[in-house]
Amino acid sequence: MSRLINGVMHYTSKEMEEKYGDSQAMWSHYARKGKIPAVKWIDDNWYFNPEEVEKAAIIANMYAGRVNEQQTV
């Protein structure tokens, strides 16, 4: 069940699975490891701000294609 936290709608790992794919367990895993920004609320569910998740994905994707690039001088 989503919650309004600090004026922004946050979604549980189950709702993130339904909206963005992957599994509920993986969303919780990413949150525990700090790979995706999340808030742990009183009921022990992880809550994700979709805007923060999107920003984290954009930053990660900026570096993903640069692994095999060579610098030319």
N, C-alpha and C. Protein backbone atom coordinates (compact mmCIF):
# COMPACT_ATOMS: atom_id res chain seq x y z
N MET A 1 0.84 -1.17 0.00
CA MET A 1 0.00 0.00 0.00
C MET A 1 0.89 1.24 0.00
N SER A 2 0.73 2.08 -0.98
CA SER A 2 1.56 3.27 -1.09
C SER A 2 1.24 4.26 0.04
N ARG A 3 2.22 5.13 0.32
CA ARG A 3 2.07 6.12 1.38
C ARG A 3 2.56 7.47 0.89
N LEU A 4 1.94 8.49 1.42
CA LEU A 4 2.39 9.84 1.16
C LEU A 4 3.41 10.20 2.24
N ILE A 5 4.67 10.40 1.83
CA ILE A 5 5.74 10.72 2.77
C ILE A 5 6.36 12.04 2.31
N ASN A 6 6.35 13.01 3.19
CA ASN A 6 6.88 14.34 2.89
C ASN A 6 6.29 14.92 1.59
N GLY A 7 5.02 14.70 1.38
CA GLY A 7 4.34 15.26 0.23
C GLY A 7 4.56 14.53 -1.08
N VAL A 8 5.25 13.40 -1.05
CA VAL A 8 5.53 12.63 -2.27
C VAL A 8 5.00 11.21 -2.09
N MET A 9 4.32 10.69 -3.11
CA MET A 9 3.79 9.34 -3.03
C MET A 9 4.94 8.33 -3.17
N HIS A 10 5.06 7.45 -2.19
CA HIS A 10 6.06 6.39 -2.20
C HIS A 10 5.35 5.06 -2.38
N TYR A 11 6.02 4.13 -3.07
CA TYR A 11 5.44 2.83 -3.37
C TYR A 11 6.21 1.72 -2.67
N THR A 12 5.50 0.65 -2.32
CA THR A 12 6.15 -0.52 -1.70
C THR A 12 6.91 -1.30 -2.77
N SER A 13 7.71 -2.24 -2.33
CA SER A 13 8.46 -3.07 -3.27
C SER A 13 7.51 -3.88 -4.16
N LYS A 14 6.37 -4.28 -3.64
CA LYS A 14 5.37 -5.01 -4.44
C LYS A 14 4.82 -4.11 -5.54
N GLU A 15 4.51 -2.86 -5.21
CA GLU A 15 3.99 -1.94 -6.21
C GLU A 15 5.06 -1.57 -7.24
N MET A 16 6.31 -1.49 -6.81
CA MET A 16 7.40 -1.21 -7.75
C MET A 16 7.55 -2.37 -8.73
N GLU A 17 7.38 -3.61 -8.23
CA GLU A 17 7.41 -4.78 -9.10
C GLU A 17 6.33 -4.68 -10.17
N GLU A 18 5.13 -4.29 -9.77
CA GLU A 18 4.02 -4.19 -10.72
C GLU A 18 4.22 -3.06 -11.73
N LYS A 19 4.78 -1.94 -11.29
CA LYS A 19 4.93 -0.77 -12.16
C LYS A 19 6.17 -0.84 -13.05
N TYR A 20 7.30 -1.34 -12.50
CA TYR A 20 8.57 -1.25 -13.21
C TYR A 20 9.22 -2.60 -13.52
N GLY A 21 8.63 -3.69 -13.07
CA GLY A 21 9.20 -5.00 -13.35
C GLY A 21 10.16 -5.45 -12.27
N ASP A 22 10.91 -6.49 -12.54
CA ASP A 22 11.78 -7.16 -11.59
C ASP A 22 10.89 -7.78 -10.50
N SER A 23 11.45 -8.35 -9.47
CA SER A 23 10.64 -9.01 -8.45
C SER A 23 10.60 -8.17 -7.17
N GLN A 24 9.63 -8.46 -6.34
CA GLN A 24 9.51 -7.77 -5.06
C GLN A 24 10.76 -8.01 -4.21
N ALA A 25 11.25 -9.23 -4.24
CA ALA A 25 12.45 -9.57 -3.46
C ALA A 25 13.66 -8.77 -3.93
N MET A 26 13.78 -8.57 -5.24
CA MET A 26 14.92 -7.81 -5.77
C MET A 26 14.83 -6.33 -5.38
N TRP A 27 13.62 -5.76 -5.43
CA TRP A 27 13.47 -4.36 -5.00
C TRP A 27 13.87 -4.21 -3.54
N SER A 28 13.45 -5.16 -2.69
CA SER A 28 13.83 -5.11 -1.27
C SER A 28 15.33 -5.29 -1.11
N HIS A 29 15.91 -6.18 -1.91
CA HIS A 29 17.36 -6.41 -1.87
C HIS A 29 18.11 -5.13 -2.24
N TYR A 30 17.69 -4.47 -3.31
CA TYR A 30 18.34 -3.22 -3.73
C TYR A 30 18.25 -2.17 -2.63
N ALA A 31 17.12 -2.11 -1.95
CA ALA A 31 16.95 -1.13 -0.87
C ALA A 31 17.85 -1.46 0.31
N ARG A 32 17.92 -2.74 0.70
CA ARG A 32 18.77 -3.14 1.83
C ARG A 32 20.24 -2.84 1.55
N LYS A 33 20.66 -3.07 0.33
CA LYS A 33 22.07 -2.85 -0.04
C LYS A 33 22.38 -1.39 -0.34
N GLY A 34 21.35 -0.53 -0.37
CA GLY A 34 21.57 0.88 -0.64
C GLY A 34 21.79 1.20 -2.11
N LYS A 35 21.45 0.29 -2.98
CA LYS A 35 21.64 0.52 -4.42
C LYS A 35 20.56 1.43 -4.99
N ILE A 36 19.41 1.43 -4.34
CA ILE A 36 18.29 2.29 -4.74
C ILE A 36 17.81 3.01 -3.49
N PRO A 37 17.60 4.33 -3.57
CA PRO A 37 17.13 5.06 -2.39
C PRO A 37 15.74 4.59 -1.97
N ALA A 38 15.59 4.31 -0.67
CA ALA A 38 14.31 3.83 -0.14
C ALA A 38 14.17 4.28 1.31
N VAL A 39 12.93 4.24 1.79
CA VAL A 39 12.62 4.60 3.17
C VAL A 39 12.02 3.38 3.84
N LYS A 40 12.53 3.04 5.03
CA LYS A 40 11.94 1.93 5.78
C LYS A 40 10.94 2.54 6.76
N TRP A 41 9.70 2.14 6.64
CA TRP A 41 8.64 2.74 7.44
C TRP A 41 8.30 1.85 8.63
N ILE A 42 7.39 2.25 9.47
CA ILE A 42 7.04 1.56 10.71
C ILE A 42 6.62 0.11 10.48
N ASP A 43 5.91 -0.16 9.42
CA ASP A 43 5.40 -1.52 9.18
C ASP A 43 6.43 -2.44 8.52
N ASP A 44 7.69 -2.04 8.54
CA ASP A 44 8.80 -2.84 8.01
C ASP A 44 8.73 -3.09 6.51
N ASN A 45 8.04 -2.23 5.78
CA ASN A 45 8.06 -2.29 4.33
C ASN A 45 9.02 -1.23 3.81
N TRP A 46 9.63 -1.52 2.68
CA TRP A 46 10.45 -0.52 2.00
C TRP A 46 9.53 0.34 1.15
N TYR A 47 9.76 1.64 1.17
CA TYR A 47 8.99 2.57 0.35
C TYR A 47 9.93 3.32 -0.57
N PHE A 48 9.57 3.37 -1.85
CA PHE A 48 10.42 3.98 -2.87
C PHE A 48 9.75 5.21 -3.45
N ASN A 49 10.54 6.26 -3.61
CA ASN A 49 10.09 7.46 -4.30
C ASN A 49 10.45 7.26 -5.77
N PRO A 50 9.47 7.14 -6.66
CA PRO A 50 9.78 6.86 -8.07
C PRO A 50 10.71 7.90 -8.71
N GLU A 51 10.63 9.15 -8.28
CA GLU A 51 11.50 10.19 -8.83
C GLU A 51 12.96 9.93 -8.45
N GLU A 52 13.21 9.53 -7.20
CA GLU A 52 14.57 9.23 -6.76
C GLU A 52 15.10 7.97 -7.44
N VAL A 53 14.24 6.99 -7.63
CA VAL A 53 14.63 5.76 -8.32
C VAL A 53 15.03 6.09 -9.75
N GLU A 54 14.25 6.94 -10.40
CA GLU A 54 14.54 7.35 -11.78
C GLU A 54 15.88 8.07 -11.86
N LYS A 55 16.15 8.98 -10.91
CA LYS A 55 17.42 9.70 -10.89
C LYS A 55 18.59 8.73 -10.71
N ALA A 56 18.44 7.76 -9.83
CA ALA A 56 19.50 6.77 -9.60
C ALA A 56 19.75 5.96 -10.86
N ALA A 57 18.70 5.62 -11.59
CA ALA A 57 18.86 4.85 -12.83
C ALA A 57 19.56 5.68 -13.89
N ILE A 58 19.24 6.95 -13.98
CA ILE A 58 19.89 7.81 -14.98
C ILE A 58 21.38 7.92 -14.69
N ILE A 59 21.75 8.13 -13.43
CA ILE A 59 23.16 8.25 -13.06
C ILE A 59 23.90 6.95 -13.35
N ALA A 60 23.29 5.80 -13.00
CA ALA A 60 23.93 4.51 -13.25
C ALA A 60 24.10 4.27 -14.75
N ASN A 61 23.12 4.64 -15.54
CA ASN A 61 23.18 4.42 -16.98
C ASN A 61 24.20 5.33 -17.66
N MET A 62 24.48 6.49 -17.07
CA MET A 62 25.48 7.38 -17.65
C MET A 62 26.85 6.73 -17.69
N TYR A 63 27.14 5.87 -16.71
CA TYR A 63 28.45 5.25 -16.62
C TYR A 63 28.48 3.85 -17.22
N ALA A 64 27.34 3.25 -17.48
CA ALA A 64 27.28 1.87 -17.95
C ALA A 64 27.97 1.68 -19.29
N GLY A 65 27.83 2.60 -20.21
CA GLY A 65 28.40 2.44 -21.53
C GLY A 65 29.85 2.86 -21.64
N ARG A 66 30.41 3.38 -20.59
CA ARG A 66 31.77 3.92 -20.65
C ARG A 66 32.85 2.91 -20.28
N VAL A 67 32.49 1.70 -19.98
CA VAL A 67 33.45 0.72 -19.52
C VAL A 67 34.50 0.42 -20.58
N ASN A 68 34.08 0.29 -21.82
CA ASN A 68 35.01 -0.08 -22.88
C ASN A 68 35.51 1.09 -23.72
N GLU A 69 35.19 2.30 -23.32
CA GLU A 69 35.65 3.46 -24.08
C GLU A 69 37.15 3.67 -23.86
N GLN A 70 37.82 4.11 -24.88
CA GLN A 70 39.23 4.43 -24.76
C GLN A 70 39.38 5.94 -24.92
N GLN A 71 40.28 6.48 -24.14
CA GLN A 71 40.53 7.91 -24.26
C GLN A 71 41.52 8.15 -25.39
N THR A 72 41.21 9.13 -26.21
CA THR A 72 42.15 9.52 -27.27
C THR A 72 42.69 10.89 -26.94
N VAL A 73 43.98 11.05 -27.17
CA VAL A 73 44.62 12.32 -26.85
C VAL A 73 45.02 13.03 -28.13
